[in-house]
Amino acid sequence: MSTEVEGHGDAYDYSVLCRNCDKEAPDPAPCQVTGTLPEWLKGQLICNGPGLTKVGEQEYNHAFDSAALLQRFEISDGKVMYNNRYVRSKTFEQNQAAGAITKAEFGTPGPSTKGVFSRLLEAMDPEKMFSDNALVTVADFGGRYFAMCETPFLLEINPDTLEVKDRVNLNKKYGLMTQTPHPILTNDGVYTVGQGVGVTGPKYCIVKFPPDGNLKQGKVMASVPARWKMSPAYMHSMTLTDNYIILIEQPLAVSLSELLSDIVTNAPFISGLKWHNEPVLIHVIDKKTWKLVKTRYVTDAFFFMHVANAYEDGEHIVLDIPTYKDSTLLHHLYIKTLREQRGKNTEEFLSSFRSTLHRLVVPLNAKGKETLITLQGTSCTAAWSGQEVTLKSEKLCEVPFENPCINPKYGGSKYNFLWAMGPDPEGSDKGFVMKVNLSSGETHKFTEDKLYCSSPQFVARPGAVDEDDGLILFLGTDSRDEKSVFLVVLDAATMTQVARASVVTSAPVPLPLHALYIPASTQ
């Protein structure tokens, strides 16, 4: 069953991701509030994503290249203030000083004026090779807040001013060449995974930081060798339960030989990503011993960006993942492609953005057993195939979505609800935020013509007992007015609007990628 407000209009404008915010708005401005914000809702919603698409006369190629823009709503006493600011990374400052693009980004090559030998020398030093344009997330490291991307740099921000306070290079202490921009904060610390290089080739390194977010006191707890010695997998996120870390090694991988060729020819990083049409390999690491569980788990090939949640149920790990058939969508996020699709949105283009929420059940202690899954209420299967266990998933939801969020209290635990966002799957001029009941498959959408929705954040009501007792917050933009931006507040249980705060900015506002809610009590 699905409930939604029907809408009609033009085609969804995917270029909302690459609007050019050519003027930041660092001074907080009051928003016009309709509806009533609860008195207890006091805090900040900080969003991160693409912002500035041009440097001088040069334009970036890909939506994941634009200079990062932080957008912030401050909520207090029923009032809302809005401001935004460019993330002043080292790369941003260098670009502004030069009036040109000085570093290669995900889909944009570096300056063509540099010779091959110079580029090869830079490839030996992550500081010189990689951009620190932190446009993906804002992550909570125990009360310290960092703008992050997939290179090994973290930029600490002041959540009140959005100014950069500090810059950390994880390569120097931990040997990471990349990192997930989705670290996981738990009661005992912050966990992240990144790619390093060992004597036998590339490896995935799990790093744990103390609960206070001191990045100098982290420790590499475990490392897992990549299955392809010259092609570590693209790993945008990880997941964990109370007792296990789960790494999902998907078929999209970074070809090191191709990357070397790209350095010589000055091609962007996306050129080095190669799709191996092979099964997904799931690694399970025991947090008690920090050893890899010996059983090898595989499942049908898919591409993914985020994990909704993972939890233990008896002698099983349950994984819920929005998956795609392949990584084509990354190649549809070129700025030129997104702008050209306005009013077209062919089926081939739309289908690349349609995910499917799949559940996998990973049987623990599988050795010597014939019946591997004993959970009730699931159609997932697992069976021995030679020396490995082959997993078959079940579909949990028919509606495509991305950027799932849950009640943070249920992270790594059994849960029943998730919330997510997406463009209209049929390409109409509207986005949605949706609640999914994982037990029944029932979905409830909040959707509105011309309103484009960013990543939702769940905020529990003080004293709440029920899992869905709280609010959903998200930033919205208007497809008709590039300078209009909204904070939309929904009842998380019913998906009805509680309040909306609106403001008109001095420059176009892009749709951000991710968000973080920081309650006032933790600031």
Protein backbone atom coordinates (compact mmCIF):
# COMPACT_ATOMS: atom_id res chain seq x y z
CA MET A 1 0.00 0.00 0.00
CA SER A 2 1.27 3.48 -0.85
CA THR A 3 -0.28 6.82 0.04
CA GLU A 4 0.74 10.06 -1.62
CA VAL A 5 -0.59 13.39 -2.77
CA GLU A 6 -0.82 13.18 -6.55
CA GLY A 7 0.81 15.91 -8.62
CA HIS A 8 1.18 16.86 -12.24
CA GLY A 9 3.78 18.97 -13.96
CA ASP A 10 6.82 19.03 -16.15
CA ALA A 11 9.79 16.69 -16.01
CA TYR A 12 11.95 16.45 -12.90
CA ASP A 13 14.97 18.75 -13.24
CA TYR A 14 17.98 16.71 -12.17
CA SER A 15 20.18 19.76 -12.72
CA VAL A 16 19.00 21.01 -9.31
CA LEU A 17 22.19 19.29 -8.11
CA CYS A 18 24.34 21.59 -10.20
CA ARG A 19 22.81 25.00 -9.75
CA ASN A 20 25.63 27.52 -9.51
CA CYS A 21 25.53 29.28 -6.14
CA ASP A 22 27.74 32.17 -7.19
CA LYS A 23 27.21 34.16 -3.99
CA GLU A 24 27.23 32.72 -0.48
CA ALA A 25 24.97 34.01 2.30
CA PRO A 26 27.02 33.71 5.51
CA ASP A 27 24.85 36.04 7.62
CA PRO A 28 21.78 34.29 9.11
CA ALA A 29 18.48 35.56 7.70
CA PRO A 30 15.02 35.01 9.23
CA CYS A 31 12.68 32.54 7.56
CA GLN A 32 8.93 32.86 7.24
CA VAL A 33 7.37 30.06 9.27
CA THR A 34 3.99 28.52 8.50
CA GLY A 35 2.52 26.01 10.90
CA THR A 36 3.82 25.60 14.43
CA LEU A 37 7.23 24.27 15.39
CA PRO A 38 7.28 22.30 18.67
CA GLU A 39 8.89 24.17 21.56
CA TRP A 40 11.28 21.27 22.17
CA LEU A 41 12.75 21.44 18.64
CA LYS A 42 15.92 23.44 19.15
CA GLY A 43 19.03 22.83 17.08
CA GLN A 44 20.60 23.08 13.67
CA LEU A 45 20.11 21.22 10.41
CA ILE A 46 23.35 21.47 8.44
CA CYS A 47 23.37 20.26 4.84
CA ASN A 48 26.37 19.66 2.59
CA GLY A 49 26.60 19.32 -1.15
CA PRO A 50 27.61 20.90 -4.45
CA GLY A 51 27.66 24.69 -4.54
CA LEU A 52 29.90 26.55 -6.93
CA THR A 53 30.06 24.95 -10.38
CA LYS A 54 32.52 27.43 -11.91
CA VAL A 55 35.97 28.80 -11.12
CA GLY A 56 36.69 31.85 -13.24
CA GLU A 57 35.70 30.87 -16.77
CA GLN A 58 36.16 27.14 -16.12
CA GLU A 59 33.24 24.89 -15.24
CA TYR A 60 33.35 21.56 -13.44
CA ASN A 61 32.23 18.46 -15.34
CA HIS A 62 30.45 16.40 -12.68
CA ALA A 63 27.92 17.06 -9.92
CA PHE A 64 30.40 15.56 -7.43
CA ASP A 65 33.04 18.15 -8.42
CA SER A 66 31.40 21.47 -7.53
CA ALA A 67 32.92 23.44 -4.66
CA ALA A 68 31.19 22.42 -1.42
CA LEU A 69 28.42 24.57 0.03
CA LEU A 70 27.14 24.19 3.59
CA GLN A 71 23.52 25.23 4.20
CA ARG A 72 22.21 25.73 7.72
CA PHE A 73 18.86 26.17 9.42
CA GLU A 74 18.91 27.19 13.09
CA ILE A 75 15.69 26.39 14.94
CA SER A 76 14.85 27.98 18.30
CA ASP A 77 11.68 29.14 20.07
CA GLY A 78 9.52 28.52 17.01
CA LYS A 79 11.73 30.65 14.77
CA VAL A 80 14.15 29.64 12.01
CA MET A 81 17.25 31.33 10.59
CA TYR A 82 19.05 30.34 7.37
CA ASN A 83 22.56 30.89 6.07
CA ASN A 84 25.06 29.20 3.78
CA ARG A 85 28.81 29.31 3.25
CA TYR A 86 31.38 27.79 0.92
CA VAL A 87 33.62 25.20 2.56
CA ARG A 88 36.99 26.92 2.45
CA SER A 89 39.13 23.90 1.78
CA LYS A 90 42.75 24.21 0.68
CA THR A 91 41.62 23.38 -2.86
CA PHE A 92 38.92 26.07 -2.75
CA GLU A 93 41.41 28.71 -1.64
CA GLN A 94 43.94 27.66 -4.30
CA ASN A 95 41.27 27.77 -7.00
CA GLN A 96 40.03 31.19 -5.95
CA ALA A 97 43.57 32.58 -5.86
CA ALA A 98 44.34 31.19 -9.31
CA GLY A 99 40.95 31.96 -10.81
CA ALA A 100 41.02 28.47 -12.30
CA ILE A 101 40.63 24.78 -11.40
CA THR A 102 43.94 23.68 -9.86
CA LYS A 103 43.13 20.10 -8.75
CA ALA A 104 41.51 17.14 -10.43
CA GLU A 105 38.10 16.23 -9.04
CA PHE A 106 35.92 13.14 -9.44
CA GLY A 107 34.90 13.96 -13.01
CA THR A 108 37.08 16.95 -13.86
CA PRO A 109 40.75 16.65 -14.87
CA GLY A 110 43.45 18.81 -13.35
CA PRO A 111 45.34 21.56 -15.18
CA SER A 112 46.61 20.46 -18.57
CA THR A 113 49.66 22.72 -18.18
CA LYS A 114 51.39 20.20 -15.90
CA GLY A 115 53.74 17.72 -17.55
CA VAL A 116 53.50 13.95 -17.20
CA PHE A 117 56.53 13.74 -14.89
CA SER A 118 55.10 16.44 -12.64
CA ARG A 119 51.76 14.61 -12.40
CA LEU A 120 53.48 11.30 -11.61
CA LEU A 121 55.44 12.95 -8.79
CA GLU A 122 52.23 14.43 -7.37
CA ALA A 123 50.63 10.97 -7.45
CA MET A 124 53.11 9.88 -4.77
CA ASP A 125 51.75 12.46 -2.31
CA PRO A 126 48.01 12.51 -1.43
CA GLU A 127 48.34 16.16 -0.37
CA LYS A 128 49.28 17.06 -3.92
CA MET A 129 47.25 14.46 -5.77
CA PHE A 130 43.84 14.71 -4.09
CA SER A 131 41.40 17.55 -3.69
CA ASP A 132 40.02 18.20 -0.21
CA ASN A 133 36.73 19.57 -1.57
CA ALA A 134 34.53 18.13 1.21
CA LEU A 135 31.10 18.24 -0.44
CA VAL A 136 29.46 14.98 0.65
CA THR A 137 28.52 14.96 4.32
CA VAL A 138 28.79 16.58 7.71
CA ALA A 139 29.70 13.93 10.28
CA ASP A 140 29.53 13.96 14.07
CA PHE A 141 32.76 12.84 15.73
CA GLY A 142 31.61 12.96 19.34
CA GLY A 143 30.70 16.65 19.35
CA ARG A 144 33.21 17.71 16.71
CA TYR A 145 31.73 18.21 13.26
CA PHE A 146 33.55 17.55 10.01
CA ALA A 147 32.74 18.20 6.36
CA MET A 148 33.84 15.10 4.46
CA CYS A 149 34.40 13.66 1.01
CA GLU A 150 36.05 10.43 -0.17
CA THR A 151 39.65 11.65 -0.17
CA PRO A 152 41.56 11.30 3.14
CA PHE A 153 40.84 14.84 4.37
CA LEU A 154 38.39 16.01 7.03
CA LEU A 155 37.55 19.68 7.53
CA GLU A 156 36.33 20.55 11.01
CA ILE A 157 33.62 23.20 10.93
CA ASN A 158 32.10 25.54 13.48
CA PRO A 159 28.39 24.64 13.28
CA ASP A 160 27.37 28.15 14.36
CA THR A 161 29.31 30.01 11.66
CA LEU A 162 30.03 27.23 9.11
CA GLU A 163 33.66 28.34 9.08
CA VAL A 164 36.46 25.79 8.78
CA LYS A 165 38.34 25.38 12.09
CA ASP A 166 40.83 22.63 11.30
CA ARG A 167 41.97 20.25 8.60
CA VAL A 168 43.02 16.62 9.17
CA ASN A 169 44.83 14.31 6.73
CA LEU A 170 44.15 10.66 7.61
CA ASN A 171 46.88 9.50 5.26
CA LYS A 172 49.64 10.86 7.49
CA LYS A 173 48.83 8.82 10.60
CA TYR A 174 46.70 5.95 9.31
CA GLY A 175 47.92 5.48 5.73
CA LEU A 176 44.47 5.94 4.20
CA MET A 177 44.26 6.95 0.56
CA THR A 178 40.47 7.21 0.66
CA GLN A 179 37.77 7.15 3.33
CA THR A 180 34.05 6.63 3.57
CA PRO A 181 32.26 9.94 4.06
CA HIS A 182 29.81 8.07 6.31
CA PRO A 183 31.62 7.22 9.56
CA ILE A 184 29.47 5.67 12.27
CA LEU A 185 29.24 7.20 15.75
CA THR A 186 28.53 4.71 18.56
CA ASN A 187 28.73 4.83 22.34
CA ASP A 188 32.25 3.40 22.31
CA GLY A 189 33.71 5.49 19.49
CA VAL A 190 33.61 6.49 15.85
CA TYR A 191 34.24 3.86 13.16
CA THR A 192 35.33 4.46 9.59
CA VAL A 193 36.86 2.52 6.72
CA GLY A 194 39.32 3.60 4.09
CA GLN A 195 41.63 2.15 1.49
CA GLY A 196 45.30 1.70 2.23
CA VAL A 197 48.16 -0.08 0.50
CA GLY A 198 50.08 -2.97 2.06
CA VAL A 199 52.97 -5.14 0.92
CA THR A 200 50.51 -7.50 -0.79
CA GLY A 201 48.43 -4.78 -2.43
CA PRO A 202 45.39 -2.64 -1.60
CA LYS A 203 43.47 -3.24 1.60
CA TYR A 204 40.47 -1.92 3.50
CA CYS A 205 41.42 -0.47 6.88
CA ILE A 206 38.92 -0.13 9.72
CA VAL A 207 39.84 2.78 11.99
CA LYS A 208 38.29 3.46 15.38
CA PHE A 209 38.46 6.88 17.03
CA PRO A 210 37.66 7.60 20.70
CA PRO A 211 34.16 8.85 21.64
CA ASP A 212 35.43 12.43 22.01
CA GLY A 213 36.38 12.53 18.32
CA ASN A 214 40.12 12.98 18.86
CA LEU A 215 41.44 12.11 15.40
CA LYS A 216 45.00 11.88 16.69
CA GLN A 217 44.09 8.99 19.01
CA GLY A 218 42.53 6.62 16.50
CA LYS A 219 43.70 3.09 15.84
CA VAL A 220 43.63 0.79 12.82
CA MET A 221 41.70 -2.13 14.32
CA ALA A 222 41.67 -4.46 11.32
CA SER A 223 42.51 -4.61 7.65
CA VAL A 224 41.04 -6.77 4.90
CA PRO A 225 42.90 -7.39 1.62
CA ALA A 226 41.07 -6.41 -1.56
CA ARG A 227 40.03 -9.44 -3.61
CA TRP A 228 41.39 -7.89 -6.82
CA LYS A 229 45.05 -7.06 -6.24
CA MET A 230 45.03 -4.12 -8.64
CA SER A 231 41.42 -3.01 -8.13
CA PRO A 232 40.11 -2.12 -4.66
CA ALA A 233 36.33 -1.73 -4.55
CA TYR A 234 34.59 1.62 -4.45
CA MET A 235 33.33 1.74 -0.84
CA HIS A 236 31.14 4.77 -0.12
CA SER A 237 29.79 3.41 3.17
CA MET A 238 30.11 0.61 5.71
CA THR A 239 27.84 -0.73 8.41
CA LEU A 240 28.06 -2.42 11.80
CA THR A 241 26.13 -4.23 14.51
CA ASP A 242 26.87 -4.67 18.21
CA ASN A 243 29.46 -7.36 17.53
CA TYR A 244 30.44 -7.11 13.87
CA ILE A 245 31.74 -4.75 11.19
CA ILE A 246 30.38 -5.46 7.71
CA LEU A 247 32.22 -4.39 4.56
CA ILE A 248 30.46 -4.81 1.22
CA GLU A 249 32.94 -5.28 -1.63
CA GLN A 250 30.90 -4.42 -4.70
CA PRO A 251 31.88 -4.98 -8.36
CA LEU A 252 32.64 -1.29 -8.97
CA ALA A 253 36.37 -0.96 -8.34
CA VAL A 254 39.22 1.48 -8.77
CA SER A 255 41.60 0.11 -11.39
CA LEU A 256 45.07 1.11 -10.22
CA SER A 257 46.54 0.48 -13.67
CA GLU A 258 43.83 2.63 -15.23
CA LEU A 259 44.42 5.27 -12.57
CA LEU A 260 48.10 5.39 -13.51
CA SER A 261 47.13 5.75 -17.16
CA ASP A 262 44.70 8.53 -16.21
CA ILE A 263 47.50 10.39 -14.44
CA VAL A 264 49.63 10.21 -17.58
CA THR A 265 46.77 11.31 -19.86
CA ASN A 266 45.30 13.77 -17.33
CA ALA A 267 41.92 12.02 -17.20
CA PRO A 268 39.56 12.44 -14.19
CA PHE A 269 39.24 9.87 -11.40
CA ILE A 270 35.91 8.52 -12.65
CA SER A 271 37.80 7.14 -15.67
CA GLY A 272 39.58 4.72 -13.33
CA LEU A 273 36.35 3.17 -12.03
CA LYS A 274 35.67 -0.19 -13.67
CA TRP A 275 32.69 -2.51 -13.35
CA HIS A 276 33.58 -6.15 -12.73
CA ASN A 277 30.54 -8.22 -13.57
CA GLU A 278 31.15 -10.51 -10.61
CA PRO A 279 29.30 -11.21 -7.35
CA VAL A 280 29.33 -8.89 -4.36
CA LEU A 281 31.67 -10.14 -1.63
CA ILE A 282 30.64 -9.49 1.98
CA HIS A 283 33.31 -9.34 4.69
CA VAL A 284 32.31 -9.81 8.33
CA ILE A 285 34.79 -8.75 11.03
CA ASP A 286 34.33 -9.84 14.64
CA LYS A 287 34.71 -6.80 16.92
CA LYS A 288 35.82 -8.98 19.85
CA THR A 289 38.87 -10.39 18.06
CA TRP A 290 39.11 -7.98 15.10
CA LYS A 291 39.55 -11.04 12.92
CA LEU A 292 37.76 -11.71 9.65
CA VAL A 293 35.02 -14.32 9.95
CA LYS A 294 36.36 -17.21 7.87
CA THR A 295 33.17 -17.88 5.94
CA ARG A 296 33.15 -16.23 2.52
CA TYR A 297 29.76 -14.69 1.64
CA VAL A 298 28.75 -13.74 -1.91
CA THR A 299 25.58 -12.48 -3.55
CA ASP A 300 24.43 -11.31 -6.97
CA ALA A 301 26.19 -8.25 -8.39
CA PHE A 302 24.79 -4.83 -7.49
CA PHE A 303 25.91 -1.24 -7.02
CA PHE A 304 25.16 0.64 -3.81
CA MET A 305 25.97 3.90 -2.08
CA HIS A 306 24.38 3.57 1.36
CA VAL A 307 23.25 0.92 3.85
CA ALA A 308 19.91 1.53 5.54
CA ASN A 309 20.79 -0.54 8.62
CA ALA A 310 22.24 -3.82 9.84
CA TYR A 311 21.45 -5.82 12.96
CA GLU A 312 21.93 -9.21 14.57
CA ASP A 313 19.03 -11.61 14.95
CA GLY A 314 20.05 -14.85 16.60
CA GLU A 315 22.92 -16.33 14.61
CA HIS A 316 22.27 -14.04 11.66
CA ILE A 317 23.17 -10.56 10.46
CA VAL A 318 20.38 -8.77 8.61
CA LEU A 319 21.47 -6.20 5.99
CA ASP A 320 19.08 -3.73 4.34
CA ILE A 321 20.54 -1.98 1.29
CA PRO A 322 19.08 0.15 -1.52
CA THR A 323 20.77 -1.34 -4.58
CA TYR A 324 21.14 -0.60 -8.29
CA LYS A 325 21.76 -3.07 -11.10
CA ASP A 326 25.03 -1.30 -11.95
CA SER A 327 26.89 2.01 -11.56
CA THR A 328 25.49 3.76 -14.64
CA LEU A 329 23.99 6.54 -12.52
CA LEU A 330 27.48 7.88 -11.74
CA HIS A 331 27.97 8.53 -15.45
CA HIS A 332 24.58 10.25 -15.67
CA LEU A 333 25.64 12.83 -13.07
CA TYR A 334 27.78 14.86 -15.43
CA ILE A 335 26.64 18.48 -15.26
CA LYS A 336 26.13 18.71 -19.02
CA THR A 337 24.02 15.54 -18.99
CA LEU A 338 21.88 16.74 -16.08
CA ARG A 339 21.18 20.06 -17.75
CA GLU A 340 20.44 18.49 -21.12
CA GLN A 341 17.93 16.10 -19.53
CA ARG A 342 15.65 18.96 -18.49
CA GLY A 343 12.29 18.22 -20.10
CA LYS A 344 13.48 14.90 -21.58
CA ASN A 345 14.26 12.34 -18.87
CA THR A 346 14.40 9.30 -21.11
CA GLU A 347 13.54 5.91 -19.67
CA GLU A 348 17.17 4.82 -19.96
CA PHE A 349 18.21 7.86 -17.91
CA LEU A 350 15.45 7.50 -15.29
CA SER A 351 16.00 3.77 -14.83
CA SER A 352 19.62 4.31 -13.76
CA PHE A 353 18.37 6.24 -10.70
CA ARG A 354 15.85 3.60 -9.60
CA SER A 355 17.05 1.60 -6.64
CA THR A 356 15.49 -1.44 -4.99
CA LEU A 357 15.56 -1.98 -1.24
CA HIS A 358 16.94 -5.48 -0.73
CA ARG A 359 17.42 -7.48 2.44
CA LEU A 360 20.21 -10.00 2.85
CA VAL A 361 20.52 -12.44 5.74
CA VAL A 362 24.08 -13.49 6.56
CA PRO A 363 24.24 -16.72 8.58
CA LEU A 364 26.94 -16.76 11.25
CA ASN A 365 28.60 -19.99 12.39
CA ALA A 366 27.64 -21.55 9.06
CA LYS A 367 30.35 -24.20 8.94
CA GLY A 368 29.00 -27.75 9.00
CA LYS A 369 25.35 -26.67 8.70
CA GLU A 370 22.90 -27.50 5.94
CA THR A 371 20.06 -25.19 7.01
CA LEU A 372 21.78 -21.82 7.24
CA ILE A 373 18.87 -19.42 7.76
CA THR A 374 16.42 -20.15 10.54
CA LEU A 375 14.80 -16.72 10.77
CA GLN A 376 11.03 -16.54 10.48
CA GLY A 377 9.29 -14.12 8.14
CA THR A 378 11.97 -13.84 5.47
CA SER A 379 12.35 -15.28 1.99
CA CYS A 380 16.11 -14.71 2.01
CA THR A 381 18.18 -17.81 1.39
CA ALA A 382 21.75 -18.91 1.97
CA ALA A 383 23.42 -22.05 0.67
CA TRP A 384 26.89 -23.50 0.45
CA SER A 385 28.42 -23.35 -3.01
CA GLY A 386 31.81 -24.97 -2.84
CA GLN A 387 33.83 -23.09 -0.21
CA GLU A 388 31.53 -20.06 -0.02
CA VAL A 389 27.99 -19.22 1.04
CA THR A 390 25.76 -17.76 -1.67
CA LEU A 391 23.12 -15.36 -0.40
CA LYS A 392 19.84 -14.58 -2.15
CA SER A 393 18.03 -11.40 -1.16
CA GLU A 394 14.39 -10.43 -0.81
CA LYS A 395 12.82 -7.18 -2.01
CA LEU A 396 11.41 -5.04 0.80
CA CYS A 397 10.04 -2.05 -1.09
CA GLU A 398 8.78 -1.41 -4.62
CA VAL A 399 9.44 2.35 -4.56
CA PRO A 400 12.96 3.51 -5.53
CA PHE A 401 14.68 5.84 -3.06
CA GLU A 402 18.03 7.01 -1.73
CA ASN A 403 19.71 8.38 1.39
CA PRO A 404 17.81 6.27 3.92
CA CYS A 405 17.72 7.39 7.54
CA ILE A 406 16.40 5.72 10.67
CA ASN A 407 15.75 6.64 14.28
CA PRO A 408 19.39 6.84 15.49
CA LYS A 409 18.46 4.89 18.62
CA TYR A 410 17.94 1.85 16.38
CA GLY A 411 21.24 2.00 14.50
CA GLY A 412 22.77 -1.48 14.48
CA SER A 413 19.63 -2.88 16.11
CA LYS A 414 16.40 -4.49 14.99
CA TYR A 415 14.07 -1.82 13.63
CA ASN A 416 10.83 -1.41 11.74
CA PHE A 417 10.90 1.96 9.97
CA LEU A 418 13.10 3.94 7.64
CA TRP A 419 12.69 7.28 5.92
CA ALA A 420 14.22 8.22 2.58
CA MET A 421 14.02 10.64 -0.33
CA GLY A 422 14.04 10.64 -4.08
CA PRO A 423 12.94 12.23 -7.32
CA ASP A 424 9.63 11.09 -8.74
CA PRO A 425 10.50 7.66 -10.20
CA GLU A 426 8.43 8.39 -13.32
CA GLY A 427 10.22 11.69 -13.91
CA SER A 428 7.46 14.16 -12.94
CA ASP A 429 8.40 17.58 -11.58
CA LYS A 430 8.36 16.69 -7.88
CA GLY A 431 10.39 14.93 -5.25
CA PHE A 432 9.32 13.00 -2.19
CA VAL A 433 10.23 11.95 1.31
CA MET A 434 8.89 8.54 2.24
CA LYS A 435 8.36 6.35 5.28
CA VAL A 436 8.73 2.59 4.82
CA ASN A 437 7.27 0.00 7.18
CA LEU A 438 9.71 -2.87 6.80
CA SER A 439 7.35 -5.44 8.29
CA SER A 440 4.41 -4.77 5.98
CA GLY A 441 6.09 -3.09 3.02
CA GLU A 442 3.64 -0.21 3.40
CA THR A 443 4.91 3.21 2.27
CA HIS A 444 3.69 6.72 3.02
CA LYS A 445 4.95 9.60 0.90
CA PHE A 446 5.09 13.31 1.42
CA THR A 447 5.27 14.85 -2.05
CA GLU A 448 4.37 18.14 -3.66
CA ASP A 449 4.57 19.57 -7.17
CA LYS A 450 7.77 21.55 -7.80
CA LEU A 451 9.19 20.69 -4.35
CA TYR A 452 12.53 18.84 -4.47
CA CYS A 453 13.56 17.07 -1.29
CA SER A 454 17.00 16.49 0.21
CA SER A 455 18.10 13.84 2.69
CA PRO A 456 15.72 13.48 5.64
CA GLN A 457 16.84 13.54 9.26
CA PHE A 458 14.86 11.88 12.07
CA VAL A 459 14.58 13.80 15.35
CA ALA A 460 13.01 11.87 18.22
CA ARG A 461 10.48 13.59 20.45
CA PRO A 462 11.81 13.91 24.03
CA GLY A 463 10.54 10.98 26.07
CA ALA A 464 9.44 9.07 22.98
CA VAL A 465 8.77 5.34 23.32
CA ASP A 466 7.61 4.44 19.83
CA GLU A 467 10.24 4.11 17.10
CA ASP A 468 8.49 6.60 14.81
CA ASP A 469 7.57 9.17 17.48
CA GLY A 470 9.38 12.26 16.28
CA LEU A 471 9.89 14.61 13.38
CA ILE A 472 11.43 14.39 9.92
CA LEU A 473 13.44 17.43 8.82
CA PHE A 474 14.66 18.10 5.30
CA LEU A 475 15.78 20.95 3.08
CA GLY A 476 13.58 21.59 0.08
CA THR A 477 14.09 23.59 -3.09
CA ASP A 478 11.68 24.89 -5.72
CA SER A 479 12.02 23.79 -9.33
CA ARG A 480 10.54 27.13 -10.49
CA ASP A 481 12.61 29.46 -8.31
CA GLU A 482 16.33 28.70 -7.92
CA LYS A 483 16.67 31.10 -4.97
CA SER A 484 13.89 29.69 -2.79
CA VAL A 485 14.82 27.28 -0.02
CA PHE A 486 12.69 25.63 2.65
CA LEU A 487 13.00 23.75 5.90
CA VAL A 488 10.17 21.22 5.88
CA VAL A 489 9.15 19.55 9.15
CA LEU A 490 6.98 16.43 9.06
CA ASP A 491 5.36 14.23 11.67
CA ALA A 492 7.48 11.09 11.31
CA ALA A 493 4.58 8.77 12.13
CA THR A 494 1.93 10.20 9.80
CA MET A 495 4.17 11.96 7.22
CA THR A 496 1.99 15.08 7.40
CA GLN A 497 3.52 18.55 7.42
CA VAL A 498 3.91 20.18 10.84
CA ALA A 499 5.64 23.37 9.74
CA ARG A 500 7.63 24.95 6.95
CA ALA A 501 10.22 27.74 7.05
CA SER A 502 10.84 29.61 3.79
CA VAL A 503 13.48 32.07 2.67
CA VAL A 504 14.65 33.61 -0.60
CA THR A 505 18.42 33.78 -0.99
CA SER A 506 20.62 36.08 -3.05
CA ALA A 507 21.86 33.30 -5.36
CA PRO A 508 20.68 29.92 -6.72
CA VAL A 509 20.48 27.15 -4.12
CA PRO A 510 21.51 23.61 -5.18
CA LEU A 511 19.96 20.53 -3.65
CA PRO A 512 22.45 19.18 -1.06
CA LEU A 513 23.58 15.58 -0.81
CA HIS A 514 23.42 14.88 2.94
CA ALA A 515 22.44 16.51 6.22
CA LEU A 516 23.09 16.33 9.96
CA TYR A 517 20.81 17.52 12.75
CA ILE A 518 22.64 18.85 15.80
CA PRO A 519 20.38 19.35 18.85
CA ALA A 520 21.04 22.50 20.87
CA SER A 521 21.76 20.42 23.97
CA THR A 522 24.94 19.01 22.37
CA GLN A 523 26.38 22.26 21.08
